[in-house]
Structure formats: C-alpha cells, structure tokens
C-alpha cells in the first residue's frame, strides 16, 4: 500500500501463537500491533506506519526532537514488554525504527537471519535484563573545624589529611562496586557494561546490564540489596532497575570482565 511501511517491534518465539488482545496501541499514527508468521513457532510483532511520519527523512528530522523520540521509545517499549510477559514466550526486542517496505520484506529479512535469531533465542531464553548503576554519594568528607591554622605547615598538613580522606573514600567506593559486580555476576548468565551518558557531569562507578535467569530473580534482588548496603556504607549509591526485555543482550555491546 502506498505511503505505508511495516514497523517491527519484536520477535516472539512460543510453542503456540501468542494472543494480542488488550495490549498497548503502540506508536502514534500506527495500526494496532499484529502478528506476522515467520515460520513455525516464530512470529514478528508488527504494525503499519505512515511514511510521512516514519519515512527516512521524517525520522531524521524527528531525531532532533527529544520529546518525540521519547514518546516513540516509550510506545515501542510498552509493546515489547507486553509480549515479554506472555507465559512461555521468549522475546527478541528490535531496535527503535526497525522498518521494512512490507510484511513480506520483513519476513524475508528475518528468515535470512534465522540462524542468528536462533542463537540469540537460545542465549536469552528464560532470562530477564536487570540494570545496576552505582554512583558516588552526595555526601563528601569534611575535616573537623577548629582554630584557624597558625602556620603554613599546619595548613598544608590539614590539606593533606583532607586529600587522603577523599582518596581513601574513593578507593572504598571502587572496592564496593567491584564486590557488587562479582557477587551479582555470579548470578547472571551474561553482563554488559553500558556507556555513560555524555551529559553526565560525574560518570557512574558502575553502570551495567545483567542477564539473569528468572529462577534466580529473587536471589539476585537479595544480593543487590546487600550490595546496596555495602555501597552505602562506603559513600556510594546502588540503584537496581528492571526487569526489562534483554535489549543489551540482543543488539551487542561489550561484555564485562
């Protein structure tokens, strides 16, 4: 159909066809999400999108509007999460703006990637993504205030003590982050470090995604809570987010050591 393209939200593997009733409506201006059969047990979740809004030039213009990109991303994620909650389903999230000229072209592209998709499905099956971010706390070390220094030597000694205290706290934070990484990594199938935001004034000590088997979910959350306490004592803050569809384990990224 002229002026219409096929938008792909995700790939779903399941022994029986998933149901799509009462789900999110998806992207603005798009048709309701629907299933397109790739082959037995494998479906694409797709929608028709208008090219005046989602054509190449329109998207390039839209990428300069952060509010628009945010709305599209939230709508995309809502559809992916809906299918990720279906019992017995393994979901491969597609990147934002995965668009083909037609359903048939999208189906052909996925069939060409069948071996790659199979490897991804095997790796992420039965798992969820959890995010762990560790940042330095808002509190800083201060030295005790007493009488004003009466000599240059006393002033320099006080400055050295302050520097040593800050250095020691920084080392404690790094050790706490390393300990958290090791403890949580033992419960994860894979780990991906995430790139810090360019706008961040202070980069996090640790920002990573963990691919965690669902059966270890409770244990992982307990370990994260324990690590958060340790980090707090060292002057850092651990924030746990999730569970999410496994975006970082589908579209690449650097494995953590």
C-alpha atoms as a PDB file:
ATOM      1  CA  UNK A   1       0.000   0.000   0.000  1.00  0.00           C
ATOM      2  CA  UNK A   2       1.406   3.405  -1.000  1.00  0.00           C
ATOM      3  CA  UNK A   3       2.583   5.530   1.891  1.00  0.00           C
ATOM      4  CA  UNK A   4       2.602   2.632   4.363  1.00  0.00           C
ATOM      5  CA  UNK A   5       5.522   0.630   5.759  1.00  0.00           C
ATOM      6  CA  UNK A   6       5.896  -2.247   8.215  1.00  0.00           C
ATOM      7  CA  UNK A   7       7.272  -1.441  11.658  1.00  0.00           C
ATOM      8  CA  UNK A   8       8.689  -4.360  13.671  1.00  0.00           C
ATOM      9  CA  UNK A   9       8.590  -4.178  17.471  1.00  0.00           C
ATOM     10  CA  UNK A  10       9.985  -7.583  18.369  1.00  0.00           C
ATOM     11  CA  UNK A  11      10.307 -11.258  17.521  1.00  0.00           C
ATOM     12  CA  UNK A  12       8.397 -13.771  19.644  1.00  0.00           C
ATOM     13  CA  UNK A  13       9.139 -17.481  19.978  1.00  0.00           C
ATOM     14  CA  UNK A  14       6.465 -19.625  21.567  1.00  0.00           C
ATOM     15  CA  UNK A  15       5.114 -23.146  21.120  1.00  0.00           C
ATOM     16  CA  UNK A  16       1.638 -21.737  20.370  1.00  0.00           C
ATOM     17  CA  UNK A  17       0.551 -18.480  18.771  1.00  0.00           C
ATOM     18  CA  UNK A  18       0.562 -15.577  21.290  1.00  0.00           C
ATOM     19  CA  UNK A  19      -2.611 -13.606  21.798  1.00  0.00           C
ATOM     20  CA  UNK A  20      -2.526  -9.859  21.129  1.00  0.00           C
ATOM     21  CA  UNK A  21      -5.827  -8.777  22.646  1.00  0.00           C
ATOM     22  CA  UNK A  22      -5.966  -5.883  25.106  1.00  0.00           C
ATOM     23  CA  UNK A  23      -2.384  -4.814  24.593  1.00  0.00           C
ATOM     24  CA  UNK A  24      -0.878  -1.331  24.178  1.00  0.00           C
ATOM     25  CA  UNK A  25      -1.739   0.559  20.996  1.00  0.00           C
ATOM     26  CA  UNK A  26       1.873   1.170  20.000  1.00  0.00           C
ATOM     27  CA  UNK A  27       3.349   4.082  18.081  1.00  0.00           C
ATOM     28  CA  UNK A  28       1.320   7.186  17.389  1.00  0.00           C
ATOM     29  CA  UNK A  29      -0.325   7.030  13.979  1.00  0.00           C
ATOM     30  CA  UNK A  30       0.382   3.305  13.592  1.00  0.00           C
ATOM     31  CA  UNK A  31      -2.101   0.473  13.281  1.00  0.00           C
ATOM     32  CA  UNK A  32      -2.598  -1.809  16.250  1.00  0.00           C
ATOM     33  CA  UNK A  33       0.198  -4.369  16.740  1.00  0.00           C
ATOM     34  CA  UNK A  34      -0.355  -7.664  14.924  1.00  0.00           C
ATOM     35  CA  UNK A  35       1.475 -10.954  14.492  1.00  0.00           C
ATOM     36  CA  UNK A  36       3.166 -11.968  11.256  1.00  0.00           C
ATOM     37  CA  UNK A  37       4.204 -15.613  10.985  1.00  0.00           C
ATOM     38  CA  UNK A  38       7.889 -16.100  10.141  1.00  0.00           C
ATOM     39  CA  UNK A  39       7.865 -19.860  10.474  1.00  0.00           C
ATOM     40  CA  UNK A  40       6.604 -22.440  12.919  1.00  0.00           C
ATOM     41  CA  UNK A  41       6.848 -21.121  16.464  1.00  0.00           C
ATOM     42  CA  UNK A  42       8.314 -17.742  15.444  1.00  0.00           C
ATOM     43  CA  UNK A  43       6.397 -14.506  14.909  1.00  0.00           C
ATOM     44  CA  UNK A  44       7.066 -10.838  14.291  1.00  0.00           C
ATOM     45  CA  UNK A  45       5.048  -8.233  16.171  1.00  0.00           C
ATOM     46  CA  UNK A  46       4.368  -5.576  13.528  1.00  0.00           C
ATOM     47  CA  UNK A  47       2.251  -2.548  12.686  1.00  0.00           C
ATOM     48  CA  UNK A  48       1.530  -0.410   9.647  1.00  0.00           C
ATOM     49  CA  UNK A  49       3.115   3.048   9.946  1.00  0.00           C
ATOM     50  CA  UNK A  50       2.583   6.070   7.669  1.00  0.00           C
ATOM     51  CA  UNK A  51       5.686   7.034   5.709  1.00  0.00           C
ATOM     52  CA  UNK A  52       5.001  10.778   6.067  1.00  0.00           C
ATOM     53  CA  UNK A  53       5.693  10.262   9.779  1.00  0.00           C
ATOM     54  CA  UNK A  54       8.088   7.296   9.783  1.00  0.00           C
ATOM     55  CA  UNK A  55       9.908   7.581   6.468  1.00  0.00           C
ATOM     56  CA  UNK A  56      13.690   8.031   6.456  1.00  0.00           C
ATOM     57  CA  UNK A  57      13.647  11.823   6.109  1.00  0.00           C
ATOM     58  CA  UNK A  58      10.881  12.200   8.684  1.00  0.00           C
ATOM     59  CA  UNK A  59      12.771  10.099  11.218  1.00  0.00           C
ATOM     60  CA  UNK A  60      15.971  12.061  10.631  1.00  0.00           C
ATOM     61  CA  UNK A  61      14.085  15.274  11.398  1.00  0.00           C
ATOM     62  CA  UNK A  62      12.335  13.672  14.363  1.00  0.00           C
ATOM     63  CA  UNK A  63      15.613  12.563  15.930  1.00  0.00           C
ATOM     64  CA  UNK A  64      16.341  16.231  16.623  1.00  0.00           C
ATOM     65  CA  UNK A  65      13.199  16.384  18.780  1.00  0.00           C
ATOM     66  CA  UNK A  66      13.980  14.547  22.012  1.00  0.00           C
ATOM     67  CA  UNK A  67      10.364  14.690  23.188  1.00  0.00           C
ATOM     68  CA  UNK A  68       9.190  12.955  20.019  1.00  0.00           C
ATOM     69  CA  UNK A  69      11.903  10.302  20.249  1.00  0.00           C
ATOM     70  CA  UNK A  70      10.994   9.711  23.895  1.00  0.00           C
ATOM     71  CA  UNK A  71       7.315   9.208  23.047  1.00  0.00           C
ATOM     72  CA  UNK A  72       8.177   6.732  20.296  1.00  0.00           C
ATOM     73  CA  UNK A  73      10.595   4.861  22.576  1.00  0.00           C
ATOM     74  CA  UNK A  74       8.028   4.573  25.379  1.00  0.00           C
ATOM     75  CA  UNK A  75       5.359   3.317  22.969  1.00  0.00           C
ATOM     76  CA  UNK A  76       7.794   0.822  21.421  1.00  0.00           C
ATOM     77  CA  UNK A  77       8.884  -0.459  24.822  1.00  0.00           C
ATOM     78  CA  UNK A  78       5.292  -0.888  26.007  1.00  0.00           C
ATOM     79  CA  UNK A  79       4.545  -3.276  23.148  1.00  0.00           C
ATOM     80  CA  UNK A  80       7.742  -5.260  23.700  1.00  0.00           C
ATOM     81  CA  UNK A  81       7.093  -5.557  27.440  1.00  0.00           C
ATOM     82  CA  UNK A  82       3.534  -6.733  26.819  1.00  0.00           C
ATOM     83  CA  UNK A  83       4.757  -9.705  24.801  1.00  0.00           C
ATOM     84  CA  UNK A  84       7.636 -10.361  27.208  1.00  0.00           C
ATOM     85  CA  UNK A  85       5.076 -11.034  29.953  1.00  0.00           C
ATOM     86  CA  UNK A  86       3.284 -13.769  27.992  1.00  0.00           C
ATOM     87  CA  UNK A  87       3.860 -17.152  29.592  1.00  0.00           C
ATOM     88  CA  UNK A  88       6.197 -19.384  27.616  1.00  0.00           C
ATOM     89  CA  UNK A  89       7.327 -16.596  25.265  1.00  0.00           C
ATOM     90  CA  UNK A  90      10.915 -15.634  24.501  1.00  0.00           C
ATOM     91  CA  UNK A  91      11.127 -12.137  23.035  1.00  0.00           C
ATOM     92  CA  UNK A  92      13.855 -10.504  20.947  1.00  0.00           C
ATOM     93  CA  UNK A  93      13.313  -6.726  21.083  1.00  0.00           C
ATOM     94  CA  UNK A  94      14.018  -4.900  17.838  1.00  0.00           C
ATOM     95  CA  UNK A  95      15.852  -1.594  17.737  1.00  0.00           C
ATOM     96  CA  UNK A  96      13.808   1.563  17.565  1.00  0.00           C
ATOM     97  CA  UNK A  97      12.719   2.367  13.988  1.00  0.00           C
ATOM     98  CA  UNK A  98      13.130  -1.134  12.552  1.00  0.00           C
ATOM     99  CA  UNK A  99      11.073  -0.577   9.396  1.00  0.00           C
ATOM    100  CA  UNK A 100      10.564  -2.518   6.151  1.00  0.00           C
ATOM    101  CA  UNK A 101       8.700  -1.735   2.976  1.00  0.00           C
ATOM    102  CA  UNK A 102       6.178  -4.539   3.571  1.00  0.00           C
ATOM    103  CA  UNK A 103       5.318  -7.521   5.770  1.00  0.00           C
ATOM    104  CA  UNK A 104       6.777  -9.847   3.160  1.00  0.00           C
ATOM    105  CA  UNK A 105      10.090  -7.979   3.040  1.00  0.00           C
ATOM    106  CA  UNK A 106      10.264  -8.032   6.840  1.00  0.00           C
ATOM    107  CA  UNK A 107       9.540 -11.782   6.857  1.00  0.00           C
ATOM    108  CA  UNK A 108      12.255 -12.414   4.275  1.00  0.00           C
ATOM    109  CA  UNK A 109      14.783 -10.406   6.283  1.00  0.00           C
ATOM    110  CA  UNK A 110      14.025 -12.383   9.443  1.00  0.00           C
ATOM    111  CA  UNK A 111      14.253 -15.693   7.632  1.00  0.00           C
ATOM    112  CA  UNK A 112      17.645 -14.662   6.288  1.00  0.00           C
ATOM    113  CA  UNK A 113      18.703 -14.080   9.904  1.00  0.00           C
ATOM    114  CA  UNK A 114      17.175 -17.332  11.166  1.00  0.00           C
ATOM    115  CA  UNK A 115      20.464 -18.825  12.354  1.00  0.00           C
ATOM    116  CA  UNK A 116      21.443 -15.629  14.165  1.00  0.00           C
ATOM    117  CA  UNK A 117      17.980 -15.312  15.721  1.00  0.00           C
ATOM    118  CA  UNK A 118      18.174 -18.914  16.871  1.00  0.00           C
ATOM    119  CA  UNK A 119      21.462 -18.247  18.672  1.00  0.00           C
ATOM    120  CA  UNK A 120      20.021 -15.167  20.378  1.00  0.00           C
ATOM    121  CA  UNK A 121      16.885 -17.009  21.472  1.00  0.00           C
ATOM    122  CA  UNK A 122      18.957 -19.810  22.949  1.00  0.00           C
ATOM    123  CA  UNK A 123      21.106 -17.343  24.883  1.00  0.00           C
ATOM    124  CA  UNK A 124      18.308 -15.229  26.374  1.00  0.00           C
ATOM    125  CA  UNK A 125      15.636 -17.909  26.917  1.00  0.00           C
ATOM    126  CA  UNK A 126      14.337 -17.898  30.473  1.00  0.00           C
ATOM    127  CA  UNK A 127      16.153 -14.675  31.366  1.00  0.00           C
ATOM    128  CA  UNK A 128      15.418 -11.044  32.123  1.00  0.00           C
ATOM    129  CA  UNK A 129      17.600  -7.965  31.998  1.00  0.00           C
ATOM    130  CA  UNK A 130      18.353  -6.040  35.194  1.00  0.00           C
ATOM    131  CA  UNK A 131      20.227  -2.741  35.393  1.00  0.00           C
ATOM    132  CA  UNK A 132      22.710  -1.894  38.139  1.00  0.00           C
ATOM    133  CA  UNK A 133      24.077   1.621  38.492  1.00  0.00           C
ATOM    134  CA  UNK A 134      26.495   2.688  41.219  1.00  0.00           C
ATOM    135  CA  UNK A 135      27.256   6.367  41.731  1.00  0.00           C
ATOM    136  CA  UNK A 136      29.222   8.337  44.266  1.00  0.00           C
ATOM    137  CA  UNK A 137      27.003   9.637  47.032  1.00  0.00           C
ATOM    138  CA  UNK A 138      26.121  13.274  47.537  1.00  0.00           C
ATOM    139  CA  UNK A 139      27.977  13.416  50.848  1.00  0.00           C
ATOM    140  CA  UNK A 140      31.613  14.466  50.841  1.00  0.00           C
ATOM    141  CA  UNK A 141      34.221  14.133  53.547  1.00  0.00           C
ATOM    142  CA  UNK A 142      34.935  17.279  55.507  1.00  0.00           C
ATOM    143  CA  UNK A 143      37.633  17.893  58.047  1.00  0.00           C
ATOM    144  CA  UNK A 144      36.885  18.926  61.608  1.00  0.00           C
ATOM    145  CA  UNK A 145      36.841  22.677  62.136  1.00  0.00           C
ATOM    146  CA  UNK A 146      38.945  24.009  64.912  1.00  0.00           C
ATOM    147  CA  UNK A 147      41.056  27.038  65.447  1.00  0.00           C
ATOM    148  CA  UNK A 148      42.463  28.710  62.395  1.00  0.00           C
ATOM    149  CA  UNK A 149      45.848  27.356  61.392  1.00  0.00           C
ATOM    150  CA  UNK A 150      48.658  29.474  62.820  1.00  0.00           C
ATOM    151  CA  UNK A 151      51.308  28.297  60.400  1.00  0.00           C
ATOM    152  CA  UNK A 152      51.724  27.369  56.790  1.00  0.00           C
ATOM    153  CA  UNK A 153      52.903  23.894  57.830  1.00  0.00           C
ATOM    154  CA  UNK A 154      49.707  23.213  59.801  1.00  0.00           C
ATOM    155  CA  UNK A 155      47.622  24.383  56.843  1.00  0.00           C
ATOM    156  CA  UNK A 156      49.454  22.040  54.459  1.00  0.00           C
ATOM    157  CA  UNK A 157      49.102  19.100  56.860  1.00  0.00           C
ATOM    158  CA  UNK A 158      45.363  19.732  57.125  1.00  0.00           C
ATOM    159  CA  UNK A 159      45.019  19.848  53.324  1.00  0.00           C
ATOM    160  CA  UNK A 160      46.943  16.564  53.045  1.00  0.00           C
ATOM    161  CA  UNK A 161      44.679  14.868  55.583  1.00  0.00           C
ATOM    162  CA  UNK A 162      41.647  16.018  53.593  1.00  0.00           C
ATOM    163  CA  UNK A 163      43.111  14.700  50.327  1.00  0.00           C
ATOM    164  CA  UNK A 164      43.992  11.385  51.949  1.00  0.00           C
ATOM    165  CA  UNK A 165      40.474  11.043  53.360  1.00  0.00           C
ATOM    166  CA  UNK A 166      38.899  11.715  49.946  1.00  0.00           C
ATOM    167  CA  UNK A 167      41.289   9.260  48.278  1.00  0.00           C
ATOM    168  CA  UNK A 168      40.505   6.574  50.848  1.00  0.00           C
ATOM    169  CA  UNK A 169      36.758   7.038  50.402  1.00  0.00           C
ATOM    170  CA  UNK A 170      37.154   6.846  46.620  1.00  0.00           C
ATOM    171  CA  UNK A 171      39.056   3.574  46.986  1.00  0.00           C
ATOM    172  CA  UNK A 172      36.376   2.188  49.300  1.00  0.00           C
ATOM    173  CA  UNK A 173      33.691   3.041  46.718  1.00  0.00           C
ATOM    174  CA  UNK A 174      35.622   1.315  43.937  1.00  0.00           C
ATOM    175  CA  UNK A 175      36.135  -1.772  46.118  1.00  0.00           C
ATOM    176  CA  UNK A 176      32.427  -1.850  46.990  1.00  0.00           C
ATOM    177  CA  UNK A 177      31.498  -1.564  43.289  1.00  0.00           C
ATOM    178  CA  UNK A 178      33.924  -4.349  42.375  1.00  0.00           C
ATOM    179  CA  UNK A 179      32.496  -6.562  45.115  1.00  0.00           C
ATOM    180  CA  UNK A 180      28.962  -5.868  43.870  1.00  0.00           C
ATOM    181  CA  UNK A 181      29.971  -6.704  40.307  1.00  0.00           C
ATOM    182  CA  UNK A 182      31.464 -10.036  41.377  1.00  0.00           C
ATOM    183  CA  UNK A 183      28.557 -11.027  43.629  1.00  0.00           C
ATOM    184  CA  UNK A 184      25.868 -10.152  41.074  1.00  0.00           C
ATOM    185  CA  UNK A 185      27.876 -11.509  38.168  1.00  0.00           C
ATOM    186  CA  UNK A 186      27.854 -14.974  39.727  1.00  0.00           C
ATOM    187  CA  UNK A 187      24.061 -14.990  39.428  1.00  0.00           C
ATOM    188  CA  UNK A 188      23.912 -13.699  35.851  1.00  0.00           C
ATOM    189  CA  UNK A 189      24.291 -15.536  32.574  1.00  0.00           C
ATOM    190  CA  UNK A 190      25.956 -12.530  30.938  1.00  0.00           C
ATOM    191  CA  UNK A 191      26.911  -8.932  31.762  1.00  0.00           C
ATOM    192  CA  UNK A 192      27.136  -5.866  29.543  1.00  0.00           C
ATOM    193  CA  UNK A 193      28.679  -2.593  30.632  1.00  0.00           C
ATOM    194  CA  UNK A 194      26.667   0.421  29.495  1.00  0.00           C
ATOM    195  CA  UNK A 195      28.223   3.576  28.103  1.00  0.00           C
ATOM    196  CA  UNK A 196      27.842   6.613  30.394  1.00  0.00           C
ATOM    197  CA  UNK A 197      25.693   9.468  29.140  1.00  0.00           C
ATOM    198  CA  UNK A 198      27.749  12.234  27.566  1.00  0.00           C
ATOM    199  CA  UNK A 199      25.785  14.839  29.523  1.00  0.00           C
ATOM    200  CA  UNK A 200      26.638  13.237  32.869  1.00  0.00           C
ATOM    201  CA  UNK A 201      28.809  15.575  34.930  1.00  0.00           C
ATOM    202  CA  UNK A 202      30.151  12.688  37.014  1.00  0.00           C
ATOM    203  CA  UNK A 203      30.265   9.266  35.363  1.00  0.00           C
ATOM    204  CA  UNK A 204      28.969   6.342  37.433  1.00  0.00           C
ATOM    205  CA  UNK A 205      31.389   3.996  39.123  1.00  0.00           C
ATOM    206  CA  UNK A 206      29.475   1.098  37.551  1.00  0.00           C
ATOM    207  CA  UNK A 207      26.661   1.005  35.003  1.00  0.00           C
ATOM    208  CA  UNK A 208      25.899  -2.490  33.739  1.00  0.00           C
ATOM    209  CA  UNK A 209      23.127  -4.737  32.483  1.00  0.00           C
ATOM    210  CA  UNK A 210      22.826  -8.284  33.856  1.00  0.00           C
ATOM    211  CA  UNK A 211      21.105 -11.133  32.022  1.00  0.00           C
ATOM    212  CA  UNK A 212      19.558 -13.044  34.917  1.00  0.00           C
ATOM    213  CA  UNK A 213      17.660 -16.349  34.749  1.00  0.00           C
ATOM    214  CA  UNK A 214      14.102 -15.863  36.002  1.00  0.00           C
ATOM    215  CA  UNK A 215      14.629 -18.672  38.514  1.00  0.00           C
ATOM    216  CA  UNK A 216      17.387 -16.577  40.146  1.00  0.00           C
ATOM    217  CA  UNK A 217      15.359 -13.375  40.241  1.00  0.00           C
ATOM    218  CA  UNK A 218      14.699 -13.372  43.987  1.00  0.00           C
ATOM    219  CA  UNK A 219      18.279 -14.315  44.820  1.00  0.00           C
ATOM    220  CA  UNK A 220      19.607 -11.611  42.502  1.00  0.00           C
ATOM    221  CA  UNK A 221      17.421  -8.935  44.087  1.00  0.00           C
ATOM    222  CA  UNK A 222      18.527 -10.006  47.571  1.00  0.00           C
ATOM    223  CA  UNK A 223      22.181  -9.868  46.524  1.00  0.00           C
ATOM    224  CA  UNK A 224      21.623  -6.407  45.031  1.00  0.00           C
ATOM    225  CA  UNK A 225      20.039  -5.208  48.287  1.00  0.00           C
ATOM    226  CA  UNK A 226      23.030  -6.489  50.251  1.00  0.00           C
ATOM    227  CA  UNK A 227      25.426  -4.820  47.817  1.00  0.00           C
ATOM    228  CA  UNK A 228      23.470  -1.568  48.110  1.00  0.00           C
ATOM    229  CA  UNK A 229      24.017  -1.593  51.874  1.00  0.00           C
ATOM    230  CA  UNK A 230      27.754  -2.136  51.430  1.00  0.00           C
ATOM    231  CA  UNK A 231      27.945   0.612  48.817  1.00  0.00           C
ATOM    232  CA  UNK A 232      26.018   2.978  51.079  1.00  0.00           C
ATOM    233  CA  UNK A 233      28.486   2.409  53.905  1.00  0.00           C
ATOM    234  CA  UNK A 234      31.313   3.283  51.502  1.00  0.00           C
ATOM    235  CA  UNK A 235      29.614   6.511  50.381  1.00  0.00           C
ATOM    236  CA  UNK A 236      28.033   5.296  47.139  1.00  0.00           C
ATOM    237  CA  UNK A 237      24.506   4.583  45.952  1.00  0.00           C
ATOM    238  CA  UNK A 238      23.416   1.411  44.122  1.00  0.00           C
ATOM    239  CA  UNK A 239      20.254   1.623  42.027  1.00  0.00           C
ATOM    240  CA  UNK A 240      18.634  -1.547  40.703  1.00  0.00           C
ATOM    241  CA  UNK A 241      16.172  -1.345  37.782  1.00  0.00           C
ATOM    242  CA  UNK A 242      14.181  -3.994  35.974  1.00  0.00           C
ATOM    243  CA  UNK A 243      13.211  -6.482  34.955  1.00  0.00           C
ATOM    244  CA  UNK A 244      13.422  -5.467  31.292  1.00  0.00           C
ATOM    245  CA  UNK A 245      13.399  -7.237  27.951  1.00  0.00           C
ATOM    246  CA  UNK A 246      17.042  -8.144  27.188  1.00  0.00           C
ATOM    247  CA  UNK A 247      17.920  -5.252  24.852  1.00  0.00           C
ATOM    248  CA  UNK A 248      21.607  -5.166  25.743  1.00  0.00           C
ATOM    249  CA  UNK A 249      21.998  -8.891  25.039  1.00  0.00           C
ATOM    250  CA  UNK A 250      20.313  -8.826  21.645  1.00  0.00           C
ATOM    251  CA  UNK A 251      21.980  -5.864  19.971  1.00  0.00           C
ATOM    252  CA  UNK A 252      25.542  -6.320  21.067  1.00  0.00           C
ATOM    253  CA  UNK A 253      27.732  -4.352  23.462  1.00  0.00           C
ATOM    254  CA  UNK A 254      30.932  -5.081  25.319  1.00  0.00           C
ATOM    255  CA  UNK A 255      30.940  -7.976  27.751  1.00  0.00           C
ATOM    256  CA  UNK A 256      32.098  -7.099  31.223  1.00  0.00           C
ATOM    257  CA  UNK A 257      35.197  -8.744  32.569  1.00  0.00           C
END
